[in-house]
N, C-alpha and C. Protein backbone atom coordinates (compact mmCIF):
# COMPACT_ATOMS: atom_id res chain seq x y z
N MET A 1 7.04 0.28 -18.54
CA MET A 1 6.31 -1.11 -17.47
C MET A 1 4.77 -0.77 -17.89
N PRO A 2 3.99 -1.93 -18.06
CA PRO A 2 2.45 -2.06 -18.79
C PRO A 2 1.89 -1.15 -17.93
N ASP A 3 0.66 -0.43 -18.84
CA ASP A 3 -0.43 0.29 -18.18
C ASP A 3 -1.09 -0.61 -17.06
N ASN A 4 -1.60 0.10 -16.18
CA ASN A 4 -2.55 -0.49 -15.02
C ASN A 4 -3.47 -1.66 -15.43
N LYS A 5 -4.25 -1.13 -16.26
CA LYS A 5 -5.29 -2.34 -16.87
C LYS A 5 -4.79 -3.60 -17.28
N THR A 6 -3.31 -3.38 -18.14
CA THR A 6 -2.73 -4.59 -18.60
C THR A 6 -2.42 -5.50 -17.28
N LEU A 7 -1.95 -4.69 -16.30
CA LEU A 7 -1.57 -5.27 -14.95
C LEU A 7 -2.80 -6.44 -14.37
N PHE A 8 -3.81 -5.49 -14.53
CA PHE A 8 -4.96 -6.13 -13.69
C PHE A 8 -5.59 -7.58 -14.75
N GLU A 9 -5.37 -7.29 -16.03
CA GLU A 9 -5.67 -8.27 -16.87
C GLU A 9 -4.88 -9.66 -16.40
N GLY A 10 -3.26 -9.66 -16.18
CA GLY A 10 -2.67 -10.15 -16.27
C GLY A 10 -2.60 -11.10 -14.97
N LEU A 11 -3.62 -10.84 -14.03
CA LEU A 11 -3.81 -11.64 -12.66
C LEU A 11 -4.25 -12.85 -12.79
N ASP A 12 -4.02 -13.98 -12.06
CA ASP A 12 -4.85 -15.24 -11.82
C ASP A 12 -6.18 -14.99 -11.31
N LYS A 13 -7.13 -15.76 -12.17
CA LYS A 13 -8.67 -15.51 -12.25
C LYS A 13 -8.92 -15.37 -10.48
N ASP A 14 -8.89 -16.20 -9.88
CA ASP A 14 -9.28 -16.57 -8.56
C ASP A 14 -8.43 -14.93 -7.80
N ILE A 15 -7.58 -14.49 -8.48
CA ILE A 15 -7.19 -12.70 -7.10
C ILE A 15 -7.96 -11.99 -8.13
N LYS A 16 -8.32 -11.89 -9.39
CA LYS A 16 -9.62 -11.18 -9.75
C LYS A 16 -10.62 -10.84 -9.25
N ASN A 17 -11.16 -12.29 -9.08
CA ASN A 17 -12.27 -12.35 -8.62
C ASN A 17 -12.79 -12.19 -6.94
N LYS A 18 -11.53 -12.09 -6.22
CA LYS A 18 -11.18 -11.78 -5.05
C LYS A 18 -11.19 -10.56 -4.87
N ILE A 19 -10.48 -9.33 -6.02
CA ILE A 19 -10.56 -7.92 -5.67
C ILE A 19 -11.62 -7.45 -6.19
N ASN A 20 -12.82 -8.08 -6.85
CA ASN A 20 -13.93 -7.65 -7.66
C ASN A 20 -14.86 -7.76 -5.96
N LYS A 21 -14.84 -8.80 -5.31
CA LYS A 21 -15.57 -9.11 -4.12
C LYS A 21 -15.25 -7.80 -3.24
N TYR A 22 -13.84 -7.80 -3.37
CA TYR A 22 -13.18 -6.51 -2.13
C TYR A 22 -13.67 -5.34 -2.52
N VAL A 23 -14.23 -4.71 -3.79
CA VAL A 23 -14.53 -3.96 -4.10
C VAL A 23 -16.22 -3.99 -3.88
N ASP A 24 -16.79 -4.83 -3.88
CA ASP A 24 -18.25 -4.77 -3.59
C ASP A 24 -18.35 -4.82 -1.84
N LEU A 25 -17.95 -5.42 -1.24
CA LEU A 25 -17.65 -5.09 0.36
C LEU A 25 -17.00 -3.49 0.30
N ALA A 26 -16.27 -3.03 -0.20
CA ALA A 26 -15.78 -1.59 0.35
C ALA A 26 -16.94 -0.71 -0.33
N ILE A 27 -17.85 -0.71 -1.29
CA ILE A 27 -19.24 0.37 -1.43
C ILE A 27 -20.09 0.08 -0.72
N GLU A 28 -20.22 -1.27 -0.48
CA GLU A 28 -21.27 -1.60 0.65
C GLU A 28 -21.08 -0.73 1.96
N PHE A 29 -19.96 -1.20 2.83
CA PHE A 29 -19.42 -0.53 3.80
C PHE A 29 -19.15 1.20 3.95
N ASN A 30 -18.92 1.42 2.57
CA ASN A 30 -18.90 3.22 2.62
C ASN A 30 -19.90 3.59 2.52
N SER A 31 -20.94 2.95 1.66
CA SER A 31 -22.35 3.49 2.27
C SER A 31 -23.10 4.07 3.01
N THR A 32 -22.33 3.29 4.13
CA THR A 32 -23.08 3.86 5.69
C THR A 32 -21.76 4.32 6.86
N HIS A 33 -20.56 3.94 6.27
CA HIS A 33 -19.59 4.57 7.33
C HIS A 33 -18.45 5.55 6.53
N ASN A 34 -18.68 6.09 5.26
CA ASN A 34 -18.17 7.01 4.60
C ASN A 34 -16.70 6.86 4.94
N ILE A 35 -15.82 5.60 4.40
CA ILE A 35 -14.21 5.56 4.79
C ILE A 35 -13.56 5.93 3.59
N PHE A 36 -14.20 6.13 2.48
CA PHE A 36 -13.37 6.92 1.43
C PHE A 36 -14.29 7.57 0.48
N ALA A 37 -14.27 8.81 -0.08
CA ALA A 37 -14.97 9.64 -1.26
C ALA A 37 -15.13 9.15 -2.70
N ARG A 38 -15.89 8.10 -2.50
CA ARG A 38 -16.05 7.50 -3.80
C ARG A 38 -17.13 7.26 -3.89
N ASN A 39 -17.93 7.15 -5.32
CA ASN A 39 -19.56 6.89 -5.64
C ASN A 39 -19.62 5.36 -5.70
N ASN A 40 -18.94 5.11 -6.37
CA ASN A 40 -19.16 3.40 -7.37
C ASN A 40 -17.88 2.66 -7.15
N LYS A 41 -18.33 1.40 -7.86
CA LYS A 41 -17.60 0.65 -8.09
C LYS A 41 -17.05 0.51 -9.11
N GLU A 42 -17.14 1.36 -10.02
CA GLU A 42 -15.91 1.69 -11.22
C GLU A 42 -14.83 3.05 -10.54
N GLU A 43 -15.35 3.63 -9.98
CA GLU A 43 -14.75 4.81 -9.73
C GLU A 43 -13.31 4.23 -8.57
N VAL A 44 -14.06 3.09 -7.93
CA VAL A 44 -13.11 2.42 -6.76
C VAL A 44 -12.02 2.00 -7.50
N PHE A 45 -12.53 0.92 -8.50
CA PHE A 45 -11.75 0.26 -9.50
C PHE A 45 -10.32 1.24 -10.30
N ARG A 46 -11.06 2.36 -10.80
CA ARG A 46 -10.28 2.89 -11.41
C ARG A 46 -9.67 3.94 -10.78
N LYS A 47 -9.83 4.42 -9.31
CA LYS A 47 -8.87 4.99 -9.11
C LYS A 47 -8.23 4.79 -7.79
N ASP A 48 -8.30 3.55 -7.35
CA ASP A 48 -7.57 2.84 -6.38
C ASP A 48 -7.07 1.86 -6.47
N ILE A 49 -8.24 0.58 -6.80
CA ILE A 49 -7.51 -0.81 -7.42
C ILE A 49 -6.60 -0.75 -8.41
N LEU A 50 -6.54 -0.09 -9.34
CA LEU A 50 -5.66 0.12 -10.46
C LEU A 50 -4.47 0.65 -10.22
N ASP A 51 -4.77 1.90 -9.73
CA ASP A 51 -3.65 2.67 -9.00
C ASP A 51 -2.64 1.83 -8.20
N CYS A 52 -2.85 0.85 -7.52
CA CYS A 52 -1.69 0.25 -6.53
C CYS A 52 -1.31 -0.90 -7.01
N LEU A 53 -1.75 -1.32 -8.27
CA LEU A 53 -1.21 -2.43 -8.92
C LEU A 53 0.61 -2.21 -9.20
N PRO A 54 0.64 -1.29 -9.45
CA PRO A 54 2.29 -1.37 -10.11
C PRO A 54 3.39 -1.78 -9.44
N VAL A 55 3.02 -1.76 -7.35
CA VAL A 55 3.50 -1.76 -6.32
C VAL A 55 3.68 -3.32 -6.64
N LEU A 56 3.10 -4.46 -7.07
CA LEU A 56 3.26 -5.70 -7.09
C LEU A 56 4.41 -6.13 -7.56
N GLU A 57 4.77 -5.25 -9.27
CA GLU A 57 5.58 -5.59 -9.59
C GLU A 57 7.31 -5.74 -8.77
N HIS A 58 7.05 -4.87 -7.92
CA HIS A 58 8.49 -5.06 -7.32
C HIS A 58 8.34 -5.81 -5.81
N ILE A 59 7.13 -6.73 -5.70
CA ILE A 59 7.30 -7.26 -4.03
C ILE A 59 7.36 -8.77 -4.60
N HIS A 60 8.64 -9.93 -4.35
CA HIS A 60 8.79 -10.65 -4.04
C HIS A 60 8.33 -11.60 -3.37
N ASP A 61 7.34 -12.82 -3.79
CA ASP A 61 6.81 -13.60 -2.70
C ASP A 61 7.88 -14.28 -1.79
N ASN A 62 6.72 -14.43 -0.83
CA ASN A 62 7.39 -15.15 0.76
C ASN A 62 8.23 -13.91 1.50
N LYS A 63 7.68 -12.67 1.41
CA LYS A 63 8.44 -11.19 1.62
C LYS A 63 7.36 -10.76 2.75
N SER A 64 7.86 -10.12 3.79
CA SER A 64 6.91 -9.08 4.50
C SER A 64 6.62 -8.24 4.37
N VAL A 65 5.53 -7.64 4.41
CA VAL A 65 5.00 -6.44 3.76
C VAL A 65 4.38 -5.57 5.09
N MET A 66 4.70 -4.43 5.59
CA MET A 66 4.23 -3.71 6.39
C MET A 66 3.42 -2.52 5.51
N ASP A 67 2.36 -2.23 5.57
CA ASP A 67 1.35 -1.20 4.42
C ASP A 67 0.67 -0.42 5.96
N LEU A 68 1.73 1.05 5.70
CA LEU A 68 1.02 1.98 6.94
C LEU A 68 -0.43 2.99 6.43
N GLY A 69 -0.93 3.25 7.35
CA GLY A 69 -2.49 3.95 6.81
C GLY A 69 -3.03 3.40 6.05
N SER A 70 -3.26 2.04 6.14
CA SER A 70 -4.07 1.08 5.02
C SER A 70 -5.29 1.88 5.00
N GLY A 71 -5.99 2.85 5.49
CA GLY A 71 -7.52 3.08 4.85
C GLY A 71 -8.55 2.01 4.51
N GLY A 72 -8.88 2.13 3.28
CA GLY A 72 -9.91 1.33 2.89
C GLY A 72 -9.11 0.02 2.21
N GLY A 73 -7.56 0.26 2.33
CA GLY A 73 -6.94 -1.10 2.28
C GLY A 73 -5.81 -0.82 1.07
N PHE A 74 -5.80 0.32 0.45
CA PHE A 74 -5.08 0.67 -0.58
C PHE A 74 -3.72 1.30 -0.47
N PRO A 75 -2.28 0.48 -0.13
CA PRO A 75 -2.39 -1.06 -1.63
C PRO A 75 -2.19 -1.92 -0.66
N GLY A 76 -2.06 -1.87 0.71
CA GLY A 76 -1.94 -3.44 1.80
C GLY A 76 -2.74 -4.50 0.92
N LEU A 77 -4.26 -4.42 1.30
CA LEU A 77 -5.28 -5.35 1.35
C LEU A 77 -5.06 -5.46 -0.56
N VAL A 78 -4.83 -4.74 -1.49
CA VAL A 78 -4.61 -5.16 -2.95
C VAL A 78 -3.18 -6.22 -2.86
N VAL A 79 -2.37 -5.80 -2.28
CA VAL A 79 -1.18 -6.26 -2.41
C VAL A 79 -1.32 -7.83 -1.79
N GLY A 80 -2.40 -7.98 -0.60
CA GLY A 80 -2.34 -8.97 0.31
C GLY A 80 -3.37 -10.38 -0.50
N ILE A 81 -4.05 -9.39 -0.95
CA ILE A 81 -5.14 -10.83 -2.21
C ILE A 81 -4.31 -10.92 -3.26
N SER A 82 -3.67 -10.52 -3.82
CA SER A 82 -2.47 -10.72 -5.34
C SER A 82 -1.11 -11.41 -5.06
N LYS A 83 -0.92 -11.11 -3.46
CA LYS A 83 0.28 -11.91 -3.07
C LYS A 83 0.12 -12.94 -1.89
N PRO A 84 -0.91 -13.77 -2.33
CA PRO A 84 -1.00 -14.73 -1.29
C PRO A 84 0.15 -15.52 -0.43
N LYS A 85 1.26 -15.60 -1.11
CA LYS A 85 2.14 -16.39 -0.33
C LYS A 85 3.30 -15.20 0.47
N ASN A 86 2.85 -13.82 0.62
CA ASN A 86 3.29 -12.94 1.36
C ASN A 86 2.65 -12.93 2.51
N LYS A 87 3.26 -12.47 3.73
CA LYS A 87 2.61 -12.21 4.71
C LYS A 87 2.23 -10.52 5.08
N ILE A 88 1.57 -10.20 5.18
CA ILE A 88 1.02 -8.72 5.04
C ILE A 88 0.65 -8.26 6.45
N TYR A 89 1.04 -6.87 6.69
CA TYR A 89 0.68 -6.29 8.27
C TYR A 89 -0.16 -4.82 7.52
N LEU A 90 -1.12 -4.78 7.69
CA LEU A 90 -1.96 -3.12 7.40
C LEU A 90 -2.03 -2.50 9.23
N VAL A 91 -1.39 -1.68 8.69
CA VAL A 91 -1.65 -0.46 10.02
C VAL A 91 -2.51 0.53 9.85
N GLU A 92 -3.38 0.53 10.52
CA GLU A 92 -4.45 1.50 10.71
C GLU A 92 -4.71 1.94 12.04
N SER A 93 -4.79 3.01 12.13
CA SER A 93 -5.39 4.02 13.79
C SER A 93 -6.56 4.11 13.50
N SER A 94 -7.75 4.11 12.71
CA SER A 94 -9.22 4.82 12.57
C SER A 94 -9.58 3.00 13.19
N ARG A 95 -10.53 3.01 14.21
CA ARG A 95 -11.09 1.84 14.69
C ARG A 95 -11.92 1.25 13.39
N LYS A 96 -12.62 2.16 12.83
CA LYS A 96 -13.74 2.35 11.52
C LYS A 96 -13.43 1.23 10.72
N LYS A 97 -11.77 1.99 10.40
CA LYS A 97 -11.26 1.96 8.77
C LYS A 97 -11.23 0.10 9.51
N ALA A 98 -10.27 0.06 10.65
CA ALA A 98 -9.64 -1.45 10.78
C ALA A 98 -10.58 -2.29 10.94
N TYR A 99 -11.68 -1.99 11.34
CA TYR A 99 -13.04 -2.70 11.60
C TYR A 99 -13.32 -3.16 9.82
N PHE A 100 -13.50 -2.85 9.20
CA PHE A 100 -13.56 -2.88 7.54
C PHE A 100 -12.53 -3.80 6.98
N LEU A 101 -11.08 -3.33 7.67
CA LEU A 101 -10.33 -4.29 6.93
C LEU A 101 -10.37 -5.77 7.71
N LYS A 102 -10.44 -5.94 8.52
CA LYS A 102 -10.49 -6.77 9.45
C LYS A 102 -11.80 -7.90 8.90
N ASN A 103 -13.25 -7.30 8.89
CA ASN A 103 -13.95 -7.86 7.85
C ASN A 103 -13.96 -8.41 6.69
N THR A 104 -13.61 -7.43 5.65
CA THR A 104 -12.79 -8.09 4.74
C THR A 104 -12.11 -9.09 4.46
N ILE A 105 -11.12 -9.08 5.48
CA ILE A 105 -10.36 -10.04 5.33
C ILE A 105 -11.19 -11.74 5.59
N ASN A 106 -11.55 -11.35 6.37
CA ASN A 106 -12.56 -12.30 7.17
C ASN A 106 -13.70 -13.41 5.94
N THR A 107 -14.32 -12.45 4.96
CA THR A 107 -15.18 -12.54 4.40
C THR A 107 -14.34 -13.37 3.12
N LEU A 108 -13.23 -12.89 2.87
CA LEU A 108 -12.38 -13.12 1.79
C LEU A 108 -11.70 -14.50 1.89
N GLU A 109 -11.38 -14.97 3.24
CA GLU A 109 -10.71 -15.79 3.76
C GLU A 109 -9.35 -15.75 3.69
N LEU A 110 -8.59 -14.43 4.15
CA LEU A 110 -7.25 -14.14 3.35
C LEU A 110 -6.31 -14.16 4.63
N ASN A 111 -5.59 -15.31 4.65
CA ASN A 111 -4.66 -15.90 5.83
C ASN A 111 -3.73 -15.18 6.10
N ASN A 112 -3.36 -15.00 5.06
CA ASN A 112 -1.69 -14.14 5.23
C ASN A 112 -1.92 -12.55 5.50
N ILE A 113 -3.03 -12.25 5.69
CA ILE A 113 -3.12 -10.53 6.51
C ILE A 113 -3.27 -10.20 7.68
N GLU A 114 -2.82 -9.31 8.38
CA GLU A 114 -3.14 -9.15 9.62
C GLU A 114 -3.05 -7.75 9.61
N VAL A 115 -4.45 -6.46 10.70
CA VAL A 115 -4.33 -5.80 10.89
C VAL A 115 -4.16 -5.38 12.28
N ILE A 116 -3.16 -4.28 12.14
CA ILE A 116 -2.53 -3.78 13.39
C ILE A 116 -3.58 -2.07 13.42
N ASN A 117 -4.36 -2.38 14.61
CA ASN A 117 -4.64 -1.14 14.88
C ASN A 117 -4.78 -0.33 15.91
N ASN A 118 -3.24 0.34 15.58
CA ASN A 118 -2.87 1.56 16.10
C ASN A 118 -2.02 2.23 15.32
N THR A 119 -1.75 3.20 16.17
CA THR A 119 -0.78 4.74 15.55
C THR A 119 0.53 4.09 15.38
N LEU A 120 1.31 4.20 14.06
CA LEU A 120 2.84 3.84 14.35
C LEU A 120 3.55 4.68 14.86
N ILE A 121 4.20 4.34 16.31
CA ILE A 121 5.43 5.14 16.80
C ILE A 121 7.07 4.71 16.22
N GLN A 122 7.66 5.59 16.61
CA GLN A 122 9.19 5.64 16.23
C GLN A 122 9.35 4.29 17.08
N LYS A 123 9.23 4.39 18.33
CA LYS A 123 9.69 3.33 19.31
C LYS A 123 8.76 1.95 18.88
N ASN A 124 8.19 1.61 18.15
CA ASN A 124 7.30 0.11 18.09
C ASN A 124 8.25 -1.01 18.19
N ASN A 125 7.77 -2.10 18.94
CA ASN A 125 8.22 -2.99 18.63
C ASN A 125 7.63 -4.48 17.70
N LEU A 126 7.18 -3.79 16.72
CA LEU A 126 6.48 -4.95 15.65
C LEU A 126 7.31 -5.80 14.64
N GLY A 127 9.08 -5.31 14.65
CA GLY A 127 9.72 -6.02 14.26
C GLY A 127 10.36 -5.47 12.53
N SER A 128 10.97 -6.01 11.99
CA SER A 128 11.48 -5.65 10.74
C SER A 128 10.64 -6.16 9.59
N PHE A 129 10.66 -5.82 8.41
CA PHE A 129 9.84 -6.24 7.45
C PHE A 129 10.67 -6.31 6.12
N ASP A 130 10.17 -6.72 5.06
CA ASP A 130 11.06 -6.40 4.00
C ASP A 130 10.73 -5.67 2.74
N TYR A 131 9.18 -5.44 3.15
CA TYR A 131 8.83 -4.15 2.60
C TYR A 131 7.99 -3.30 3.31
N ILE A 132 7.97 -1.76 2.85
CA ILE A 132 7.18 -1.05 3.94
C ILE A 132 6.35 -0.24 2.81
N THR A 133 5.13 -0.39 2.95
CA THR A 133 4.54 0.12 1.10
C THR A 133 3.43 1.63 2.31
N THR A 134 3.28 2.55 1.50
CA THR A 134 2.00 3.66 1.45
C THR A 134 1.32 4.13 0.54
N ARG A 135 0.46 4.71 0.81
CA ARG A 135 -0.35 5.53 -0.40
C ARG A 135 -0.86 6.76 0.36
N ALA A 136 -0.95 8.10 0.23
CA ALA A 136 -1.30 8.97 0.69
C ALA A 136 -1.05 9.29 1.82
N PHE A 137 -0.20 8.74 2.41
CA PHE A 137 0.66 8.78 3.76
C PHE A 137 1.04 9.92 4.49
N ALA A 138 1.80 9.78 5.05
CA ALA A 138 2.74 11.05 5.30
C ALA A 138 3.92 11.56 4.87
N ASN A 139 4.45 12.38 4.43
CA ASN A 139 5.97 12.73 3.52
C ASN A 139 6.97 11.55 3.93
N ILE A 140 7.87 11.90 3.13
CA ILE A 140 8.91 10.80 3.20
C ILE A 140 9.80 10.96 4.49
N LYS A 141 9.98 12.23 5.15
CA LYS A 141 10.92 11.86 5.83
C LYS A 141 9.91 11.56 7.25
N LYS A 142 8.74 11.76 7.28
CA LYS A 142 7.93 11.33 8.40
C LYS A 142 7.91 9.70 8.28
N THR A 143 7.80 9.18 7.18
CA THR A 143 7.79 7.57 7.17
C THR A 143 9.03 7.09 7.46
N LEU A 144 10.21 7.66 7.16
CA LEU A 144 11.36 6.97 7.14
C LEU A 144 11.62 7.15 8.80
N ASN A 145 11.37 8.08 9.57
CA ASN A 145 11.20 8.38 10.61
C ASN A 145 10.84 7.44 11.51
N ILE A 146 9.55 7.31 11.42
CA ILE A 146 8.76 6.23 12.09
C ILE A 146 8.79 4.74 11.74
N THR A 147 9.68 4.74 10.73
CA THR A 147 9.66 3.07 10.80
C THR A 147 11.55 2.65 10.64
N LYS A 148 12.02 3.58 11.69
CA LYS A 148 13.46 3.17 11.92
C LYS A 148 13.73 1.92 12.56
N ASN A 149 12.52 1.38 13.06
CA ASN A 149 12.99 -0.02 14.09
C ASN A 149 12.22 -0.89 13.17
N ASN A 150 11.99 -0.88 11.88
CA ASN A 150 11.16 -1.52 11.07
C ASN A 150 11.63 -2.24 9.97
N ILE A 151 13.37 -1.97 9.50
CA ILE A 151 14.02 -2.18 8.59
C ILE A 151 15.07 -2.99 9.15
N HIS A 152 15.29 -3.48 8.03
CA HIS A 152 16.84 -4.43 7.77
C HIS A 152 17.67 -3.82 6.73
N LYS A 153 18.54 -4.35 6.45
CA LYS A 153 19.91 -3.78 5.64
C LYS A 153 19.24 -3.77 3.86
N ARG A 154 18.36 -4.92 3.96
CA ARG A 154 18.10 -5.45 2.80
C ARG A 154 16.47 -4.76 2.18
N SER A 155 15.70 -4.57 3.05
CA SER A 155 14.51 -3.61 3.20
C SER A 155 14.35 -2.72 1.97
N LYS A 156 12.81 -2.27 1.52
CA LYS A 156 12.37 -1.26 0.76
C LYS A 156 11.14 -0.53 1.11
N TYR A 157 11.33 0.73 0.72
CA TYR A 157 9.95 1.36 0.94
C TYR A 157 9.82 1.39 -0.87
N LEU A 158 8.16 1.10 -0.78
CA LEU A 158 7.56 1.44 -2.26
C LEU A 158 6.31 2.07 -2.04
N LEU A 159 6.65 3.45 -2.23
CA LEU A 159 6.08 4.88 -1.96
C LEU A 159 4.95 5.07 -3.02
N LEU A 160 3.75 5.16 -3.37
CA LEU A 160 2.74 5.73 -3.75
C LEU A 160 2.72 6.92 -3.68
N LYS A 161 3.20 8.12 -4.71
CA LYS A 161 3.00 9.28 -4.48
C LYS A 161 2.50 10.16 -6.04
N GLY A 162 2.61 11.23 -5.06
CA GLY A 162 1.69 12.49 -6.51
C GLY A 162 2.95 13.04 -7.64
N LYS A 163 2.96 14.55 -7.28
CA LYS A 163 3.64 14.86 -8.21
C LYS A 163 5.35 15.01 -7.90
N ILE A 164 5.78 15.21 -8.72
CA ILE A 164 7.43 14.55 -9.16
C ILE A 164 8.24 16.16 -8.24
N GLU A 165 7.77 17.02 -8.41
CA GLU A 165 8.26 18.22 -7.29
C GLU A 165 7.89 17.99 -6.27
N LYS A 166 6.96 17.96 -5.66
CA LYS A 166 6.55 17.55 -4.40
C LYS A 166 7.65 16.51 -3.92
N ILE A 167 7.98 15.35 -5.03
CA ILE A 167 8.49 14.08 -4.06
C ILE A 167 10.04 14.84 -4.10
N LYS A 168 10.30 15.33 -5.22
CA LYS A 168 11.81 16.22 -4.64
C LYS A 168 12.22 17.03 -3.57
N ASP A 169 11.24 17.41 -3.18
CA ASP A 169 10.81 18.64 -2.30
C ASP A 169 11.04 17.88 -0.90
N GLU A 170 10.58 16.69 -0.65
CA GLU A 170 10.22 15.88 0.45
C GLU A 170 11.47 15.13 0.51
N ILE A 171 12.47 14.67 -0.75
CA ILE A 171 13.64 13.78 -0.40
C ILE A 171 14.74 14.54 -0.19
N GLU A 172 14.77 16.05 -0.34
CA GLU A 172 15.50 16.88 -0.47
C GLU A 172 16.13 17.16 1.36
N THR A 173 14.54 17.23 1.71
CA THR A 173 14.54 17.56 3.28
C THR A 173 14.90 15.71 4.24
N THR A 174 15.50 15.04 3.01
CA THR A 174 16.13 13.55 4.02
C THR A 174 17.33 13.51 4.14
N ASN A 175 17.74 12.73 4.79
CA ASN A 175 19.27 12.50 4.93
C ASN A 175 19.25 11.36 3.87
N THR A 176 19.85 11.40 2.46
CA THR A 176 20.11 10.38 1.48
C THR A 176 21.56 9.48 1.81
N LYS A 177 22.10 10.33 2.94
CA LYS A 177 23.50 9.56 2.76
C LYS A 177 23.23 7.95 2.75
N GLN A 178 22.50 7.68 3.70
CA GLN A 178 22.41 6.10 4.51
C GLN A 178 21.31 5.57 3.05
N LEU A 179 21.09 6.38 2.20
CA LEU A 179 19.81 5.34 1.60
C LEU A 179 20.17 5.62 0.46
N SER A 180 19.60 5.35 -0.77
CA SER A 180 19.26 5.34 -1.95
C SER A 180 18.06 5.49 -2.45
N TYR A 181 17.65 6.13 -3.88
CA TYR A 181 15.99 6.13 -4.22
C TYR A 181 15.91 6.25 -5.30
N GLU A 182 14.63 5.72 -5.80
CA GLU A 182 14.83 5.48 -7.67
C GLU A 182 12.50 6.20 -7.47
N ILE A 183 12.58 7.06 -8.98
CA ILE A 183 11.38 7.47 -9.02
C ILE A 183 11.01 7.05 -10.16
N ILE A 184 9.87 6.09 -10.17
CA ILE A 184 9.45 5.65 -11.32
C ILE A 184 8.22 6.13 -11.62
N LYS A 185 8.06 7.05 -13.10
CA LYS A 185 6.53 7.03 -13.42
C LYS A 185 5.57 6.06 -13.93
N LEU A 186 4.54 6.10 -13.32
CA LEU A 186 3.60 5.26 -13.42
C LEU A 186 2.53 6.06 -14.20
N ASP A 187 1.17 4.89 -15.04
CA ASP A 187 0.27 5.21 -15.39
C ASP A 187 -0.44 6.22 -15.25
N GLY A 188 -0.43 7.82 -15.40
CA GLY A 188 -0.81 9.03 -14.79
C GLY A 188 -2.56 9.01 -15.24
N LYS A 189 -3.53 7.97 -15.56
CA LYS A 189 -4.60 8.59 -16.20
C LYS A 189 -5.97 9.51 -14.94
N ASN A 190 -5.57 9.22 -13.74
CA ASN A 190 -5.89 9.81 -12.60
C ASN A 190 -4.98 11.06 -12.34
N GLY A 191 -4.20 11.46 -12.92
CA GLY A 191 -3.28 13.04 -12.42
C GLY A 191 -1.78 11.88 -12.06
N GLU A 192 -0.69 12.98 -12.11
CA GLU A 192 0.43 12.38 -12.33
C GLU A 192 0.57 11.58 -10.90
N ARG A 193 1.34 10.46 -11.26
CA ARG A 193 1.48 9.33 -10.31
C ARG A 193 3.38 8.94 -10.34
N ASN A 194 3.29 8.28 -9.26
CA ASN A 194 5.27 7.94 -9.24
C ASN A 194 5.13 7.18 -8.36
N LEU A 195 6.12 6.30 -8.36
CA LEU A 195 6.22 5.41 -7.31
C LEU A 195 7.94 5.65 -6.57
N VAL A 196 8.22 6.10 -5.70
CA VAL A 196 9.35 6.19 -5.24
C VAL A 196 9.98 4.71 -4.20
N ILE A 197 11.23 4.41 -4.70
CA ILE A 197 11.40 3.21 -4.21
C ILE A 197 12.76 3.58 -3.27
N ILE A 198 12.53 3.48 -2.06
CA ILE A 198 14.23 3.56 -0.92
C ILE A 198 14.65 2.35 -0.42
N LYS A 199 15.77 2.35 -0.19
CA LYS A 199 16.31 1.02 0.20
C LYS A 199 17.78 1.56 0.84
N PRO A 200 18.36 1.18 2.04
CA PRO A 200 19.49 1.47 2.76
C PRO A 200 20.48 1.20 1.63
N ASN A 201 21.50 2.18 1.69
CA ASN A 201 22.91 1.55 1.01
C ASN A 201 23.65 0.37 1.29
N GLU A 202 24.13 -0.23 0.84
CA GLU A 202 24.74 -1.53 1.10
C GLU A 202 26.30 -0.96 2.25
C-alpha cells in the first residue's frame, strides 16, 4: 500500500482544497471549544488527515458508510469529502462535536454527509450500511455488538487501530465463527497503526 502522503497527493485537487479548508475550520473551532488535542494545522494534517486516508482504498463508490464516534470527523468526514458519491452518516454523541461536524458540512457544502447526534445502541433503527468505520472508538467486541442491526451479509467493518497485540487480544474475545478478519499494517510514522477489516462469512 502507498504511504499516506502519496495517497493524499493522488486525490483530486478540489478534494484536497476541501480537506485543507476542513482542517482550517477544525483548528479555528478547537481554539475555543477544545474538541481534540492538537496545536496547529500541520499536526492535524499529519496525525489525523493522513492517518485516515488508507480507509479510502477499501470503500467503493455509491456505497453507504456509518462512522461511529466521529469526534472531529476522523475518519468519517475525511471519507465524506474524498468520496462525494458515497452517502456518509456520522454518529457522534457529543453535542459540541456534532455542532462542529454539521457546521463544517454546511460550510463546505457536503451534501452527501449527515450527522446523527446520538449514542448508538444495539437496538437502533438506523438500518444497514455497506461499511462501518471507526477510529479511536470502542474495542472490537463492543463495536460488533452495538452494530448488529446495521450490517447485511456484504457489509464490512474498517477499523483504524493501534498495536497489533491489542488487536489480537480484542479479536480473541470476539466470536469469529460468523466473521472473517484481516489486519493490514499501515504507514506508522505516528506510532504503530493497523487497519482491521471484518466481514460476515458467506
